Amino acid sequence: MVVDATHAPWNSLVKVQSNLGARCTGVLVAPRRVVTAAHCLLNRAQRFLPASSLHVLFGYERGEYRQHRAVATLETGGPYDKERRLDGLVGDWAVLTLDGDAPEGMPPLPLARVPPDAGTPLMLGGYSQDRAHLVTADTACAARGINDTDRGPLLVHDCDGTRGVSGAALLVRTSSGDGRADGAGEGWAVAGIAVAAVSGPNPRNIAVPSAAFVAAVEGNTPSLR
């Protein structure tokens, strides 16, 4: 369903674009840091695009946006190997450091450091391929467990999402006291980012848990504000 992108937690979502026209969803997790899926940043030769070719749009809706930020640097989870199936997805994350702080009224969401247990209610929203100019969300989905691969854990969930939602935040309710002191997130935290759907007899969707990129997000970067 379409959600109001001016209200929390959806106002923390951003649109990530490249000069080549690639588009994905991202989520603001610090005043100058956005997390998205690494595979969104690959060129046709399957190499990562330079930071200078990436752009983040805040408050995007119907072709208009509130503010734009260029990307100063990017850090990824290592070489992304789409041929390695599940264990190749563990490094499918990217932390974008922006050239300026996010605009006022668009708060970063805190990271959930422990993956949610199976059955925990979740939400997933982003700029899906079929409604690319609006934020749509599945607000009634859940975690289905952890898939332990040779390279690390992946979070399995049943939230609905299509192409374009890659990099979107998988959101979980925080318990009292888990959020930031300033109230950022308004009770929601990022459990992980959506990266893939696995088809077959038991279809399921895959996210990289936030623990995989928390160190990259919390690295010291001075504010420009």
C-alpha atoms as a PDB file:
ATOM      1  CA  MET A   1       0.000   0.000   0.000  1.00  0.00           C
ATOM      2  CA  VAL A   2       1.042   3.632  -0.484  1.00  0.00           C
ATOM      3  CA  VAL A   3       2.208   5.314   2.731  1.00  0.00           C
ATOM      4  CA  ASP A   4       2.717   8.958   3.678  1.00  0.00           C
ATOM      5  CA  ALA A   5       6.419   9.622   3.120  1.00  0.00           C
ATOM      6  CA  THR A   6       6.272  12.755   5.279  1.00  0.00           C
ATOM      7  CA  HIS A   7       5.516  10.739   8.436  1.00  0.00           C
ATOM      8  CA  ALA A   8       7.832   8.556  10.527  1.00  0.00           C
ATOM      9  CA  PRO A   9       9.312   6.121   9.897  1.00  0.00           C
ATOM     10  CA  TRP A  10       8.869   6.573   6.137  1.00  0.00           C
ATOM     11  CA  ASN A  11      10.428  10.049   6.124  1.00  0.00           C
ATOM     12  CA  SER A  12      13.770   8.385   6.858  1.00  0.00           C
ATOM     13  CA  LEU A  13      13.698   6.579   3.500  1.00  0.00           C
ATOM     14  CA  VAL A  14      15.559   8.051   0.526  1.00  0.00           C
ATOM     15  CA  LYS A  15      15.895   7.401  -3.180  1.00  0.00           C
ATOM     16  CA  VAL A  16      19.416   6.477  -4.317  1.00  0.00           C
ATOM     17  CA  GLN A  17      20.231   7.191  -7.964  1.00  0.00           C
ATOM     18  CA  SER A  18      23.295   6.942 -10.164  1.00  0.00           C
ATOM     19  CA  ASN A  19      24.335   8.839 -13.272  1.00  0.00           C
ATOM     20  CA  LEU A  20      23.667   5.610 -15.193  1.00  0.00           C
ATOM     21  CA  GLY A  21      20.013   5.691 -14.179  1.00  0.00           C
ATOM     22  CA  ALA A  22      20.043   2.926 -11.565  1.00  0.00           C
ATOM     23  CA  ARG A  23      17.529   3.494  -8.768  1.00  0.00           C
ATOM     24  CA  CYS A  24      17.126   1.867  -5.374  1.00  0.00           C
ATOM     25  CA  THR A  25      15.823   2.685  -1.930  1.00  0.00           C
ATOM     26  CA  GLY A  26      18.070   3.661   0.959  1.00  0.00           C
ATOM     27  CA  VAL A  27      17.600   4.564   4.607  1.00  0.00           C
ATOM     28  CA  LEU A  28      19.123   7.370   6.640  1.00  0.00           C
ATOM     29  CA  VAL A  29      20.923   5.884   9.664  1.00  0.00           C
ATOM     30  CA  ALA A  30      23.080   8.862  10.735  1.00  0.00           C
ATOM     31  CA  PRO A  31      22.987  12.581   9.867  1.00  0.00           C
ATOM     32  CA  ARG A  32      25.335  11.990   6.938  1.00  0.00           C
ATOM     33  CA  ARG A  33      25.026   8.258   6.343  1.00  0.00           C
ATOM     34  CA  VAL A  34      22.666   6.229   4.186  1.00  0.00           C
ATOM     35  CA  VAL A  35      22.604   2.442   3.853  1.00  0.00           C
ATOM     36  CA  THR A  36      21.501   0.702   0.666  1.00  0.00           C
ATOM     37  CA  ALA A  37      22.142  -2.549  -1.210  1.00  0.00           C
ATOM     38  CA  ALA A  38      25.586  -2.815  -2.784  1.00  0.00           C
ATOM     39  CA  HIS A  39      24.270  -4.430  -5.970  1.00  0.00           C
ATOM     40  CA  CYS A  40      22.440  -1.168  -6.730  1.00  0.00           C
ATOM     41  CA  LEU A  41      25.811   0.535  -7.194  1.00  0.00           C
ATOM     42  CA  LEU A  42      27.313  -1.789  -9.809  1.00  0.00           C
ATOM     43  CA  ASN A  43      27.977  -0.729 -13.384  1.00  0.00           C
ATOM     44  CA  ARG A  44      27.466  -2.936 -16.426  1.00  0.00           C
ATOM     45  CA  ALA A  45      30.903  -4.477 -15.890  1.00  0.00           C
ATOM     46  CA  GLN A  46      29.821  -5.442 -12.355  1.00  0.00           C
ATOM     47  CA  ARG A  47      32.217  -2.963 -10.765  1.00  0.00           C
ATOM     48  CA  PHE A  48      31.224  -0.429  -8.152  1.00  0.00           C
ATOM     49  CA  LEU A  49      30.388   3.040  -9.408  1.00  0.00           C
ATOM     50  CA  PRO A  50      32.466   5.935  -8.039  1.00  0.00           C
ATOM     51  CA  ALA A  51      30.897   7.893  -5.208  1.00  0.00           C
ATOM     52  CA  SER A  52      30.870  10.993  -7.413  1.00  0.00           C
ATOM     53  CA  SER A  53      28.234   9.394  -9.678  1.00  0.00           C
ATOM     54  CA  LEU A  54      25.767   8.708  -6.846  1.00  0.00           C
ATOM     55  CA  HIS A  55      22.970  10.931  -5.565  1.00  0.00           C
ATOM     56  CA  VAL A  56      20.541  10.752  -2.651  1.00  0.00           C
ATOM     57  CA  LEU A  57      17.090  12.349  -2.880  1.00  0.00           C
ATOM     58  CA  PHE A  58      15.222  13.236   0.321  1.00  0.00           C
ATOM     59  CA  GLY A  59      11.438  13.471   0.341  1.00  0.00           C
ATOM     60  CA  TYR A  60      11.081  12.106  -3.185  1.00  0.00           C
ATOM     61  CA  GLU A  61       7.514  11.858  -4.478  1.00  0.00           C
ATOM     62  CA  ARG A  62       6.051  12.016  -7.991  1.00  0.00           C
ATOM     63  CA  GLY A  63       9.240  13.304  -9.614  1.00  0.00           C
ATOM     64  CA  GLU A  64       9.937  16.001  -7.033  1.00  0.00           C
ATOM     65  CA  TYR A  65      12.108  15.937  -3.937  1.00  0.00           C
ATOM     66  CA  ARG A  66      12.769  18.094  -0.929  1.00  0.00           C
ATOM     67  CA  GLN A  67      16.568  18.129  -1.042  1.00  0.00           C
ATOM     68  CA  HIS A  68      19.470  16.444  -2.800  1.00  0.00           C
ATOM     69  CA  ARG A  69      22.813  15.328  -1.427  1.00  0.00           C
ATOM     70  CA  ALA A  70      25.824  14.106  -3.358  1.00  0.00           C
ATOM     71  CA  VAL A  71      27.776  11.116  -2.078  1.00  0.00           C
ATOM     72  CA  ALA A  72      31.273  11.891  -0.805  1.00  0.00           C
ATOM     73  CA  THR A  73      32.459   8.332  -0.099  1.00  0.00           C
ATOM     74  CA  LEU A  74      31.082   4.822  -0.030  1.00  0.00           C
ATOM     75  CA  GLU A  75      31.990   1.670   1.854  1.00  0.00           C
ATOM     76  CA  THR A  76      30.744  -1.766   0.879  1.00  0.00           C
ATOM     77  CA  GLY A  77      30.667  -5.183   2.460  1.00  0.00           C
ATOM     78  CA  GLY A  78      33.381  -6.451   0.150  1.00  0.00           C
ATOM     79  CA  PRO A  79      33.216  -7.980  -3.314  1.00  0.00           C
ATOM     80  CA  TYR A  80      29.631  -8.710  -4.265  1.00  0.00           C
ATOM     81  CA  ASP A  81      29.313 -12.081  -5.993  1.00  0.00           C
ATOM     82  CA  LYS A  82      25.838 -12.677  -7.412  1.00  0.00           C
ATOM     83  CA  GLU A  83      26.906 -16.179  -8.527  1.00  0.00           C
ATOM     84  CA  ARG A  84      27.456 -17.379  -4.940  1.00  0.00           C
ATOM     85  CA  ARG A  85      23.752 -17.477  -4.177  1.00  0.00           C
ATOM     86  CA  LEU A  86      23.024 -16.959  -0.483  1.00  0.00           C
ATOM     87  CA  ASP A  87      26.524 -16.543   0.939  1.00  0.00           C
ATOM     88  CA  GLY A  88      27.254 -14.009  -1.796  1.00  0.00           C
ATOM     89  CA  LEU A  89      24.528 -11.777  -0.357  1.00  0.00           C
ATOM     90  CA  VAL A  90      26.166 -11.296   3.045  1.00  0.00           C
ATOM     91  CA  GLY A  91      28.317  -8.453   1.709  1.00  0.00           C
ATOM     92  CA  ASP A  92      25.477  -6.890  -0.294  1.00  0.00           C
ATOM     93  CA  TRP A  93      25.411  -3.641   1.674  1.00  0.00           C
ATOM     94  CA  ALA A  94      26.827  -0.170   1.132  1.00  0.00           C
ATOM     95  CA  VAL A  95      27.181   2.788   3.477  1.00  0.00           C
ATOM     96  CA  LEU A  96      27.085   6.131   1.666  1.00  0.00           C
ATOM     97  CA  THR A  97      28.628   9.151   3.371  1.00  0.00           C
ATOM     98  CA  LEU A  98      26.927  12.305   2.126  1.00  0.00           C
ATOM     99  CA  ASP A  99      28.461  15.694   1.363  1.00  0.00           C
ATOM    100  CA  GLY A 100      26.169  17.344   3.917  1.00  0.00           C
ATOM    101  CA  ASP A 101      23.786  16.512   6.722  1.00  0.00           C
ATOM    102  CA  ALA A 102      20.253  15.360   6.007  1.00  0.00           C
ATOM    103  CA  PRO A 103      17.609  18.112   5.934  1.00  0.00           C
ATOM    104  CA  GLU A 104      15.724  19.030   9.091  1.00  0.00           C
ATOM    105  CA  GLY A 105      12.684  16.882   9.785  1.00  0.00           C
ATOM    106  CA  MET A 106      14.202  13.766   8.236  1.00  0.00           C
ATOM    107  CA  PRO A 107      15.649  11.870  11.197  1.00  0.00           C
ATOM    108  CA  PRO A 108      18.037   8.942  11.020  1.00  0.00           C
ATOM    109  CA  LEU A 109      16.725   5.604  12.226  1.00  0.00           C
ATOM    110  CA  PRO A 110      18.641   3.627  14.870  1.00  0.00           C
ATOM    111  CA  LEU A 111      20.085   0.219  14.024  1.00  0.00           C
ATOM    112  CA  ALA A 112      18.832  -2.945  15.720  1.00  0.00           C
ATOM    113  CA  ARG A 113      22.035  -4.711  16.737  1.00  0.00           C
ATOM    114  CA  VAL A 114      20.384  -8.102  17.294  1.00  0.00           C
ATOM    115  CA  PRO A 115      18.297  -9.714  14.519  1.00  0.00           C
ATOM    116  CA  PRO A 116      14.605 -10.181  15.361  1.00  0.00           C
ATOM    117  CA  ASP A 117      13.373 -13.616  16.369  1.00  0.00           C
ATOM    118  CA  ALA A 118      11.230 -15.636  13.994  1.00  0.00           C
ATOM    119  CA  GLY A 119       7.664 -14.380  14.122  1.00  0.00           C
ATOM    120  CA  THR A 120       8.593 -10.811  15.087  1.00  0.00           C
ATOM    121  CA  PRO A 121       6.370  -8.303  13.226  1.00  0.00           C
ATOM    122  CA  LEU A 122       8.210  -6.195  10.636  1.00  0.00           C
ATOM    123  CA  MET A 123       7.550  -3.541   8.008  1.00  0.00           C
ATOM    124  CA  LEU A 124       9.252  -2.941   4.664  1.00  0.00           C
ATOM    125  CA  GLY A 125       8.790   0.152   2.522  1.00  0.00           C
ATOM    126  CA  GLY A 126      10.473   1.655  -0.501  1.00  0.00           C
ATOM    127  CA  TYR A 127      10.270   2.855  -4.091  1.00  0.00           C
ATOM    128  CA  SER A 128       9.165  -0.349  -5.796  1.00  0.00           C
ATOM    129  CA  GLN A 129       9.367  -0.882  -9.538  1.00  0.00           C
ATOM    130  CA  ASP A 130       5.589  -0.858  -9.968  1.00  0.00           C
ATOM    131  CA  ARG A 131       5.108   2.409  -7.997  1.00  0.00           C
ATOM    132  CA  ALA A 132       8.500   4.035  -8.500  1.00  0.00           C
ATOM    133  CA  HIS A 133       7.426   7.583  -7.605  1.00  0.00           C
ATOM    134  CA  LEU A 134       5.735   6.791  -4.289  1.00  0.00           C
ATOM    135  CA  VAL A 135       6.718   4.972  -1.115  1.00  0.00           C
ATOM    136  CA  THR A 136       4.787   1.727  -0.820  1.00  0.00           C
ATOM    137  CA  ALA A 137       5.015  -0.602   2.144  1.00  0.00           C
ATOM    138  CA  ASP A 138       4.139  -4.002   3.501  1.00  0.00           C
ATOM    139  CA  THR A 139       3.129  -3.232   7.075  1.00  0.00           C
ATOM    140  CA  ALA A 140       1.975  -6.722   8.072  1.00  0.00           C
ATOM    141  CA  CYS A 141       4.914  -9.062   7.581  1.00  0.00           C
ATOM    142  CA  ALA A 142       7.329 -10.890   9.864  1.00  0.00           C
ATOM    143  CA  ALA A 143      10.784 -12.315  10.395  1.00  0.00           C
ATOM    144  CA  ARG A 144      11.103 -15.993   9.491  1.00  0.00           C
ATOM    145  CA  GLY A 145      14.488 -16.782  11.006  1.00  0.00           C
ATOM    146  CA  ILE A 146      18.209 -16.661  10.297  1.00  0.00           C
ATOM    147  CA  ASN A 147      20.057 -18.406   7.471  1.00  0.00           C
ATOM    148  CA  ASP A 148      23.653 -19.015   8.550  1.00  0.00           C
ATOM    149  CA  THR A 149      25.985 -19.043   5.541  1.00  0.00           C
ATOM    150  CA  ASP A 150      29.739 -19.562   5.295  1.00  0.00           C
ATOM    151  CA  ARG A 151      30.219 -15.776   5.209  1.00  0.00           C
ATOM    152  CA  GLY A 152      27.757 -14.829   7.931  1.00  0.00           C
ATOM    153  CA  PRO A 153      24.057 -14.693   8.796  1.00  0.00           C
ATOM    154  CA  LEU A 154      21.195 -13.492   6.627  1.00  0.00           C
ATOM    155  CA  LEU A 155      17.767 -12.458   7.861  1.00  0.00           C
ATOM    156  CA  VAL A 156      14.846 -14.311   6.272  1.00  0.00           C
ATOM    157  CA  HIS A 157      11.466 -12.541   6.117  1.00  0.00           C
ATOM    158  CA  ASP A 158       8.170 -12.627   4.245  1.00  0.00           C
ATOM    159  CA  CYS A 159       7.771  -8.897   3.526  1.00  0.00           C
ATOM    160  CA  ASP A 160       6.610  -8.161  -0.002  1.00  0.00           C
ATOM    161  CA  GLY A 161       8.884  -6.098  -2.225  1.00  0.00           C
ATOM    162  CA  THR A 162       9.818  -5.835  -5.902  1.00  0.00           C
ATOM    163  CA  ARG A 163      12.806  -4.443  -7.779  1.00  0.00           C
ATOM    164  CA  GLY A 164      13.521  -0.921  -6.559  1.00  0.00           C
ATOM    165  CA  VAL A 165      12.907  -1.892  -2.951  1.00  0.00           C
ATOM    166  CA  SER A 166      16.445  -3.307  -2.804  1.00  0.00           C
ATOM    167  CA  GLY A 167      18.268  -1.426  -0.067  1.00  0.00           C
ATOM    168  CA  ALA A 168      15.058  -0.571   1.766  1.00  0.00           C
ATOM    169  CA  ALA A 169      14.970  -0.799   5.538  1.00  0.00           C
ATOM    170  CA  LEU A 170      13.391  -3.800   7.199  1.00  0.00           C
ATOM    171  CA  LEU A 171      11.819  -2.098  10.224  1.00  0.00           C
ATOM    172  CA  VAL A 172      11.207  -3.552  13.672  1.00  0.00           C
ATOM    173  CA  ARG A 173       9.518  -2.026  16.710  1.00  0.00           C
ATOM    174  CA  THR A 174      11.920  -1.107  19.505  1.00  0.00           C
ATOM    175  CA  SER A 175      11.131  -1.812  23.127  1.00  0.00           C
ATOM    176  CA  SER A 176      11.105   1.002  25.669  1.00  0.00           C
ATOM    177  CA  GLY A 177      14.519   2.574  26.002  1.00  0.00           C
ATOM    178  CA  ASP A 178      16.024   0.984  22.893  1.00  0.00           C
ATOM    179  CA  GLY A 179      15.725   4.082  20.726  1.00  0.00           C
ATOM    180  CA  ARG A 180      17.995   7.063  20.730  1.00  0.00           C
ATOM    181  CA  ALA A 181      17.734   9.610  23.511  1.00  0.00           C
ATOM    182  CA  ASP A 182      16.475  12.230  21.036  1.00  0.00           C
ATOM    183  CA  GLY A 183      13.551  10.038  20.014  1.00  0.00           C
ATOM    184  CA  ALA A 184      14.819   9.424  16.475  1.00  0.00           C
ATOM    185  CA  GLY A 185      12.927   6.635  14.782  1.00  0.00           C
ATOM    186  CA  GLU A 186       9.797   7.113  16.896  1.00  0.00           C
ATOM    187  CA  GLY A 187       9.857   3.521  18.078  1.00  0.00           C
ATOM    188  CA  TRP A 188      11.231   1.924  14.905  1.00  0.00           C
ATOM    189  CA  ALA A 189      14.710   0.579  14.195  1.00  0.00           C
ATOM    190  CA  VAL A 190      16.434  -0.871  11.140  1.00  0.00           C
ATOM    191  CA  ALA A 191      16.670  -4.656  11.496  1.00  0.00           C
ATOM    192  CA  GLY A 192      18.363  -5.011   8.107  1.00  0.00           C
ATOM    193  CA  ILE A 193      18.192  -4.033   4.448  1.00  0.00           C
ATOM    194  CA  ALA A 194      16.334  -5.928   1.752  1.00  0.00           C
ATOM    195  CA  VAL A 195      18.624  -7.472  -0.860  1.00  0.00           C
ATOM    196  CA  ALA A 196      16.988 -10.458  -2.574  1.00  0.00           C
ATOM    197  CA  ALA A 197      14.054 -12.787  -3.046  1.00  0.00           C
ATOM    198  CA  VAL A 198      14.614 -16.532  -3.261  1.00  0.00           C
ATOM    199  CA  SER A 199      12.106 -18.473  -5.343  1.00  0.00           C
ATOM    200  CA  GLY A 200      11.372 -22.173  -5.220  1.00  0.00           C
ATOM    201  CA  PRO A 201       9.123 -24.523  -3.253  1.00  0.00           C
ATOM    202  CA  ASN A 202       9.480 -22.278  -0.185  1.00  0.00           C
ATOM    203  CA  PRO A 203       9.808 -18.709  -1.472  1.00  0.00           C
ATOM    204  CA  ARG A 204      11.322 -16.260   0.960  1.00  0.00           C
ATOM    205  CA  ASN A 205      12.960 -12.869   1.003  1.00  0.00           C
ATOM    206  CA  ILE A 206      16.425 -12.039   2.252  1.00  0.00           C
ATOM    207  CA  ALA A 207      17.880  -9.094   4.156  1.00  0.00           C
ATOM    208  CA  VAL A 208      21.361  -8.302   5.424  1.00  0.00           C
ATOM    209  CA  PRO A 209      21.055  -7.792   9.205  1.00  0.00           C
ATOM    210  CA  SER A 210      22.142  -4.424  10.586  1.00  0.00           C
ATOM    211  CA  ALA A 211      24.937  -6.009  12.617  1.00  0.00           C
ATOM    212  CA  ALA A 212      26.810  -6.501   9.325  1.00  0.00           C
ATOM    213  CA  PHE A 213      27.215  -2.764   8.708  1.00  0.00           C
ATOM    214  CA  VAL A 214      26.884  -1.124  12.132  1.00  0.00           C
ATOM    215  CA  ALA A 215      30.660  -0.581  12.419  1.00  0.00           C
ATOM    216  CA  ALA A 216      30.763   1.171   9.037  1.00  0.00           C
ATOM    217  CA  VAL A 217      27.834   3.393  10.000  1.00  0.00           C
ATOM    218  CA  GLU A 218      29.357   4.382  13.329  1.00  0.00           C
ATOM    219  CA  GLY A 219      32.801   5.266  11.971  1.00  0.00           C
ATOM    220  CA  ASN A 220      33.820   8.821  12.808  1.00  0.00           C
ATOM    221  CA  THR A 221      32.783  11.375  10.190  1.00  0.00           C
ATOM    222  CA  PRO A 222      32.483  15.061  11.152  1.00  0.00           C
ATOM    223  CA  SER A 223      29.211  16.867  10.530  1.00  0.00           C
ATOM    224  CA  LEU A 224      29.196  19.624   7.902  1.00  0.00           C
ATOM    225  CA  ARG A 225      26.245  21.422   9.461  1.00  0.00           C
END
